[in-house]
N, C-alpha and C. Protein backbone atom coordinates (compact mmCIF):
# COMPACT_ATOMS: atom_id res chain seq x y z
N UNK A 1 -10.04 61.18 -59.11
CA UNK A 1 -9.85 61.85 -57.70
C UNK A 1 -10.88 61.98 -56.62
N UNK A 2 -11.25 61.42 -55.52
CA UNK A 2 -12.01 62.15 -54.60
C UNK A 2 -11.65 63.69 -54.10
N UNK A 3 -13.22 63.93 -54.61
CA UNK A 3 -13.32 65.63 -54.29
C UNK A 3 -13.81 65.44 -52.81
N UNK A 4 -13.10 66.22 -52.05
CA UNK A 4 -14.20 66.14 -50.47
C UNK A 4 -15.63 67.24 -50.94
N UNK A 5 -16.37 67.56 -49.67
CA UNK A 5 -17.53 68.51 -49.77
C UNK A 5 -17.13 69.85 -50.04
N UNK A 6 -16.73 69.94 -49.12
CA UNK A 6 -15.81 71.80 -48.90
C UNK A 6 -15.46 71.91 -50.83
N UNK A 7 -14.49 71.23 -51.15
CA UNK A 7 -14.12 71.40 -52.97
C UNK A 7 -14.93 71.84 -53.37
N UNK A 8 -16.17 70.23 -53.74
CA UNK A 8 -17.11 70.17 -54.43
C UNK A 8 -18.57 71.50 -54.08
N UNK A 9 -18.53 71.89 -53.19
CA UNK A 9 -19.43 73.43 -52.78
C UNK A 9 -18.96 74.63 -53.22
N UNK A 10 -17.41 74.62 -53.11
CA UNK A 10 -16.88 75.55 -53.57
C UNK A 10 -16.50 75.59 -55.31
N UNK A 11 -16.75 74.74 -55.88
CA UNK A 11 -16.54 74.24 -57.36
C UNK A 11 -17.99 74.46 -58.53
N UNK A 12 -18.97 74.61 -57.33
CA UNK A 12 -20.36 74.75 -57.88
C UNK A 12 -20.62 76.05 -57.42
N UNK A 13 -19.91 77.08 -56.39
CA UNK A 13 -20.14 78.29 -56.64
C UNK A 13 -19.43 78.87 -57.35
N UNK A 14 -18.27 78.04 -58.10
CA UNK A 14 -17.41 79.01 -59.43
C UNK A 14 -18.12 78.35 -60.56
N UNK A 15 -18.64 77.82 -60.63
CA UNK A 15 -19.57 77.19 -61.92
C UNK A 15 -20.88 78.43 -61.98
N UNK A 16 -21.64 78.64 -60.91
CA UNK A 16 -22.61 79.94 -60.80
C UNK A 16 -21.43 81.25 -61.32
N UNK A 17 -20.48 81.47 -61.56
CA UNK A 17 -19.92 82.23 -61.44
C UNK A 17 -19.75 83.38 -60.04
N UNK A 18 -19.47 83.02 -58.90
CA UNK A 18 -19.21 83.51 -57.34
C UNK A 18 -17.99 83.63 -57.46
N UNK A 19 -17.99 84.97 -57.53
CA UNK A 19 -16.13 85.46 -57.54
C UNK A 19 -15.23 84.35 -55.96
N UNK A 20 -14.34 84.48 -56.07
CA UNK A 20 -13.68 84.21 -54.52
C UNK A 20 -13.92 84.85 -53.77
N UNK A 21 -13.69 85.92 -53.86
CA UNK A 21 -13.69 87.10 -52.36
C UNK A 21 -15.09 86.53 -51.68
N UNK A 22 -16.41 85.93 -52.53
CA UNK A 22 -17.69 85.79 -52.14
C UNK A 22 -17.79 84.51 -51.48
N UNK A 23 -16.60 83.87 -52.09
CA UNK A 23 -17.13 82.68 -51.41
C UNK A 23 -16.37 82.16 -50.26
N UNK A 24 -15.16 82.80 -50.34
CA UNK A 24 -14.28 82.79 -49.39
C UNK A 24 -14.92 83.35 -47.83
N UNK A 25 -15.85 84.36 -48.10
CA UNK A 25 -16.31 85.05 -47.38
C UNK A 25 -17.90 83.93 -46.65
N UNK A 26 -18.30 83.53 -47.39
CA UNK A 26 -19.69 82.82 -47.30
C UNK A 26 -18.49 81.36 -46.63
N UNK A 27 -17.34 81.02 -46.62
CA UNK A 27 -16.86 79.44 -46.36
C UNK A 27 -16.53 80.03 -44.99
N UNK A 28 -16.24 81.40 -44.81
CA UNK A 28 -15.01 81.12 -43.31
C UNK A 28 -13.84 81.00 -43.67
N UNK A 29 -13.06 81.22 -45.24
CA UNK A 29 -12.28 81.01 -45.30
C UNK A 29 -11.03 81.83 -46.30
N UNK A 30 -10.11 81.70 -46.25
CA UNK A 30 -9.29 82.96 -46.52
C UNK A 30 -9.56 82.88 -48.52
N UNK A 31 -9.20 84.03 -49.08
CA UNK A 31 -9.26 83.86 -50.55
C UNK A 31 -8.30 82.65 -51.45
N UNK A 32 -7.27 82.94 -50.62
CA UNK A 32 -6.21 81.89 -50.92
C UNK A 32 -6.73 80.47 -50.75
N UNK A 33 -7.02 80.46 -49.14
CA UNK A 33 -7.35 79.35 -49.04
C UNK A 33 -8.67 78.15 -49.46
N UNK A 34 -9.29 78.87 -50.50
CA UNK A 34 -10.70 79.02 -51.55
C UNK A 34 -9.82 78.04 -52.75
N UNK A 35 -8.86 79.48 -53.41
CA UNK A 35 -8.48 79.43 -54.07
C UNK A 35 -7.64 77.26 -54.95
N UNK A 36 -7.38 77.45 -53.59
CA UNK A 36 -6.27 76.30 -53.44
C UNK A 36 -6.92 75.31 -53.51
N UNK A 37 -7.83 75.04 -52.89
CA UNK A 37 -9.63 74.05 -53.10
C UNK A 37 -9.10 73.58 -54.39
N UNK A 38 -9.54 74.82 -55.06
CA UNK A 38 -9.82 74.51 -56.21
C UNK A 38 -8.60 73.80 -57.25
N UNK A 39 -7.37 74.53 -56.80
CA UNK A 39 -6.37 74.32 -57.48
C UNK A 39 -6.14 72.77 -57.71
N UNK A 40 -6.23 72.01 -56.40
CA UNK A 40 -6.61 70.33 -56.48
C UNK A 40 -7.01 70.12 -57.68
N UNK A 41 -7.91 70.31 -58.31
CA UNK A 41 -8.70 70.11 -59.29
C UNK A 41 -8.25 70.23 -60.71
N UNK A 42 -7.06 71.30 -60.94
CA UNK A 42 -6.23 71.07 -61.92
C UNK A 42 -4.99 70.36 -61.92
N UNK A 43 -4.30 70.08 -63.03
CA UNK A 43 -3.37 68.78 -63.03
C UNK A 43 -2.44 70.03 -62.29
N UNK A 44 -1.07 69.06 -62.20
CA UNK A 44 -0.04 69.07 -61.94
C UNK A 44 1.15 70.28 -62.92
N UNK A 45 0.62 70.22 -63.99
CA UNK A 45 1.15 70.65 -65.38
C UNK A 45 0.95 72.00 -65.58
N UNK A 46 -0.32 72.18 -65.36
CA UNK A 46 -1.05 73.28 -65.83
C UNK A 46 -0.58 74.10 -64.57
N UNK A 47 -0.93 73.85 -63.01
CA UNK A 47 -0.14 74.68 -62.14
C UNK A 47 1.32 75.09 -62.49
N UNK A 48 2.33 74.24 -62.84
CA UNK A 48 3.57 74.84 -63.07
C UNK A 48 4.19 75.98 -63.98
N UNK A 49 3.44 75.79 -64.54
CA UNK A 49 3.57 76.68 -66.15
C UNK A 49 3.01 78.47 -65.22
N UNK A 50 2.51 78.09 -64.67
CA UNK A 50 1.93 79.60 -64.49
C UNK A 50 3.04 80.71 -63.22
N UNK A 51 3.15 81.72 -63.94
CA UNK A 51 4.34 82.14 -63.16
C UNK A 51 2.99 83.21 -62.15
N UNK A 52 2.30 83.90 -62.31
CA UNK A 52 1.61 84.83 -61.71
C UNK A 52 -0.04 84.01 -61.71
N UNK A 53 -0.72 83.60 -60.58
CA UNK A 53 -1.57 83.40 -60.30
C UNK A 53 -3.18 84.26 -60.07
N UNK A 54 -2.47 85.61 -60.03
CA UNK A 54 -2.68 86.97 -60.52
C UNK A 54 -2.82 87.63 -61.14
N UNK A 55 -2.50 87.39 -62.61
CA UNK A 55 -2.14 88.18 -63.62
C UNK A 55 -2.82 89.93 -63.40
N UNK A 56 -4.13 89.47 -63.10
CA UNK A 56 -4.67 91.03 -62.56
C UNK A 56 -3.81 92.03 -61.80
N UNK A 57 -3.39 91.53 -60.60
CA UNK A 57 -2.59 92.22 -59.85
C UNK A 57 -1.36 92.16 -60.47
N UNK A 58 -0.84 91.84 -61.13
CA UNK A 58 1.21 91.48 -61.07
C UNK A 58 0.89 92.93 -62.94
N UNK A 59 -0.26 92.69 -63.22
CA UNK A 59 -0.34 93.89 -64.62
C UNK A 59 -0.73 95.28 -63.88
N UNK A 60 -1.09 95.04 -62.88
CA UNK A 60 -1.54 96.68 -62.62
C UNK A 60 -0.33 97.34 -61.91
N UNK A 61 0.36 96.10 -61.37
CA UNK A 61 1.81 96.55 -60.64
C UNK A 61 2.93 97.03 -62.00
N UNK A 62 2.53 96.02 -62.41
CA UNK A 62 3.76 97.06 -63.89
C UNK A 62 3.36 97.91 -64.19
N UNK A 63 1.92 98.32 -64.94
CA UNK A 63 1.41 99.71 -65.19
C UNK A 63 1.66 100.73 -64.58
N UNK A 64 1.58 100.57 -62.82
CA UNK A 64 1.55 101.26 -62.17
C UNK A 64 3.31 102.06 -61.77
N UNK A 65 4.53 101.17 -62.73
CA UNK A 65 5.78 101.01 -62.27
C UNK A 65 6.31 100.74 -61.14
N UNK A 66 5.60 99.09 -60.49
CA UNK A 66 5.76 99.06 -58.63
C UNK A 66 5.90 97.31 -58.71
N UNK A 67 7.45 97.07 -58.37
CA UNK A 67 7.57 96.34 -57.96
C UNK A 67 6.94 95.61 -56.12
N UNK A 68 7.83 94.31 -56.11
CA UNK A 68 7.37 93.48 -55.30
C UNK A 68 7.46 94.70 -53.83
N UNK A 69 8.92 95.32 -53.75
CA UNK A 69 9.63 95.73 -52.74
C UNK A 69 8.52 97.04 -53.06
N UNK A 70 7.98 97.46 -53.56
CA UNK A 70 7.00 98.42 -53.24
C UNK A 70 6.19 98.51 -52.91
N UNK A 71 5.45 97.76 -53.55
CA UNK A 71 3.86 97.12 -53.15
C UNK A 71 4.57 96.95 -51.53
N UNK A 72 4.78 95.97 -51.47
CA UNK A 72 5.28 95.51 -49.48
C UNK A 72 5.22 96.91 -48.64
N UNK A 73 6.29 98.14 -49.30
CA UNK A 73 6.18 99.29 -48.73
C UNK A 73 4.69 99.97 -48.30
N UNK A 74 3.73 99.91 -49.26
CA UNK A 74 3.02 100.67 -49.16
C UNK A 74 1.87 99.96 -48.44
N UNK A 75 2.35 98.58 -48.34
CA UNK A 75 0.94 97.40 -47.25
C UNK A 75 1.90 97.04 -46.16
N UNK A 76 2.87 97.46 -45.88
CA UNK A 76 3.50 97.59 -44.61
C UNK A 76 4.00 96.37 -44.84
N UNK A 77 4.20 94.73 -45.48
CA UNK A 77 4.40 93.73 -45.37
C UNK A 77 5.75 93.21 -45.52
N UNK A 78 5.88 92.22 -45.83
CA UNK A 78 7.73 92.31 -46.36
C UNK A 78 7.50 91.75 -47.65
N UNK A 79 8.41 92.12 -48.99
CA UNK A 79 8.44 91.86 -50.17
C UNK A 79 8.18 90.35 -51.00
N UNK A 80 8.58 89.32 -49.67
CA UNK A 80 8.66 87.93 -50.05
C UNK A 80 6.83 88.00 -49.58
N UNK A 81 6.24 88.22 -48.95
CA UNK A 81 5.29 88.04 -48.84
C UNK A 81 4.21 88.17 -50.25
N UNK A 82 4.30 89.83 -51.21
CA UNK A 82 4.01 90.09 -51.91
C UNK A 82 4.27 89.16 -53.03
N UNK A 83 5.00 88.36 -52.61
CA UNK A 83 5.92 87.46 -53.94
C UNK A 83 5.19 86.17 -53.64
N UNK A 84 4.58 85.39 -52.62
CA UNK A 84 3.86 84.35 -52.48
C UNK A 84 2.62 84.89 -52.41
N UNK A 85 1.96 86.12 -52.53
CA UNK A 85 0.82 86.13 -52.81
C UNK A 85 0.22 86.02 -54.10
N UNK A 86 1.28 86.07 -54.69
CA UNK A 86 0.92 86.57 -56.19
C UNK A 86 1.03 85.15 -56.91
N UNK A 87 1.96 84.32 -56.23
CA UNK A 87 2.04 83.12 -56.98
C UNK A 87 0.84 82.29 -55.80
N UNK A 88 0.23 82.17 -55.62
CA UNK A 88 -0.51 81.65 -54.42
C UNK A 88 -0.06 80.71 -53.70
N UNK A 89 1.32 80.98 -52.80
CA UNK A 89 1.74 80.06 -51.49
C UNK A 89 1.42 80.80 -50.52
N UNK A 90 0.64 82.05 -50.43
CA UNK A 90 0.91 82.54 -48.81
C UNK A 90 -1.36 82.46 -48.54
N UNK A 91 -1.58 82.17 -47.51
CA UNK A 91 -2.91 82.43 -47.03
C UNK A 91 -3.10 84.14 -47.07
N UNK A 92 -4.72 84.06 -47.71
CA UNK A 92 -4.87 85.87 -47.97
C UNK A 92 -6.17 85.99 -47.71
N UNK A 93 -6.20 86.76 -46.14
CA UNK A 93 -7.66 87.05 -45.90
C UNK A 93 -8.57 88.35 -46.80
N UNK A 94 -9.93 87.88 -45.96
CA UNK A 94 -10.80 89.49 -46.73
C UNK A 94 -9.97 90.19 -46.97
N UNK A 95 -9.72 90.56 -45.91
CA UNK A 95 -9.08 92.10 -44.87
C UNK A 95 -7.82 92.04 -45.83
N UNK A 96 -6.95 90.91 -45.75
CA UNK A 96 -5.64 91.69 -46.75
C UNK A 96 -6.08 91.41 -48.21
N UNK A 97 -6.87 90.69 -49.10
CA UNK A 97 -6.77 90.92 -50.22
C UNK A 97 -7.60 92.46 -50.41
N UNK A 98 -8.40 92.94 -49.28
CA UNK A 98 -8.96 94.43 -49.83
C UNK A 98 -7.61 95.40 -49.72
N UNK A 99 -6.86 95.71 -48.63
CA UNK A 99 -5.18 96.24 -48.58
C UNK A 99 -4.99 96.37 -50.46
N UNK A 100 -4.10 94.40 -50.57
CA UNK A 100 -4.05 94.66 -52.16
C UNK A 100 -4.87 95.28 -52.83
N UNK A 101 -5.97 95.37 -53.23
CA UNK A 101 -6.84 95.75 -54.21
C UNK A 101 -6.83 97.08 -54.37
N UNK A 102 -7.00 97.75 -52.95
CA UNK A 102 -7.43 98.80 -52.64
C UNK A 102 -5.88 99.46 -53.27
N UNK A 103 -4.29 99.35 -52.59
CA UNK A 103 -3.14 100.05 -52.75
C UNK A 103 -2.82 99.95 -54.17
N UNK A 104 -3.45 99.24 -55.17
CA UNK A 104 -3.62 98.85 -56.39
C UNK A 104 -4.50 99.44 -57.00
N UNK A 105 -5.52 100.03 -56.05
CA UNK A 105 -6.78 101.10 -57.17
C UNK A 105 -7.74 99.98 -57.62
N UNK A 106 -7.93 98.64 -57.65
CA UNK A 106 -8.64 97.74 -58.51
C UNK A 106 -9.69 96.88 -56.93
N UNK A 107 -10.62 96.71 -57.41
CA UNK A 107 -11.93 95.70 -57.10
C UNK A 107 -10.60 94.55 -56.18
N UNK A 108 -11.11 93.51 -55.55
CA UNK A 108 -10.85 92.90 -54.74
C UNK A 108 -10.46 91.19 -55.86
N UNK A 109 -12.07 91.71 -56.74
CA UNK A 109 -11.92 90.66 -58.17
C UNK A 109 -10.91 90.97 -58.56
N UNK A 110 -11.55 92.20 -59.53
CA UNK A 110 -10.23 92.24 -60.35
C UNK A 110 -8.19 91.92 -60.25
N UNK A 111 -8.20 91.97 -58.63
CA UNK A 111 -7.32 91.87 -58.27
C UNK A 111 -6.24 90.42 -57.96
N UNK A 112 -7.97 89.74 -57.85
CA UNK A 112 -7.97 88.55 -57.98
C UNK A 112 -8.25 87.60 -58.48
N UNK A 113 -8.12 87.74 -59.53
CA UNK A 113 -8.53 87.18 -60.33
C UNK A 113 -7.55 86.45 -61.19
N UNK A 114 -7.54 84.99 -60.81
CA UNK A 114 -7.24 84.05 -61.38
C UNK A 114 -6.70 84.12 -62.96
N UNK A 115 -5.40 83.67 -63.17
CA UNK A 115 -4.95 82.85 -64.48
C UNK A 115 -5.82 82.18 -65.81
N UNK A 116 -6.59 82.65 -66.06
CA UNK A 116 -7.76 81.70 -67.14
C UNK A 116 -6.99 80.58 -67.48
N UNK A 117 -6.33 80.25 -67.56
CA UNK A 117 -5.89 78.98 -68.54
C UNK A 117 -5.20 78.12 -66.91
N UNK A 118 -5.34 78.42 -65.78
CA UNK A 118 -4.90 77.76 -64.90
C UNK A 118 -5.97 77.03 -64.00
N UNK A 119 -7.11 76.95 -64.45
CA UNK A 119 -8.35 76.57 -63.76
C UNK A 119 -9.10 75.56 -64.48
N UNK A 120 -9.75 74.61 -63.86
CA UNK A 120 -10.03 73.83 -64.55
C UNK A 120 -11.90 74.18 -65.00
N UNK A 121 -12.12 73.96 -66.28
CA UNK A 121 -13.29 74.31 -66.44
C UNK A 121 -14.44 72.77 -66.33
């Protein structure tokens, strides 16, 4: 598979341990856009097995007794947007990522930490 220069640069930053939020800020991209670049390096089969790509957020929601509708109300967004964010189908700006994390009492890195088994190593 051919990998473009932007994806290669993102992958190198991830290998250096840089969090998605920092990469997004440095590259002028949303956290989700950076993540989606990395998804291209993951097999389709593995991607289909992940319900929520951000288990930290969904886990915290469960701990707090929140569903998508509850979190959506806290953020003044639609529940469908929350669902799309949790499944990696929505672009999330750094500002919006902070809003999600703050609403759940987490750091952006904790909230948007990807599922370990879903990332190419």
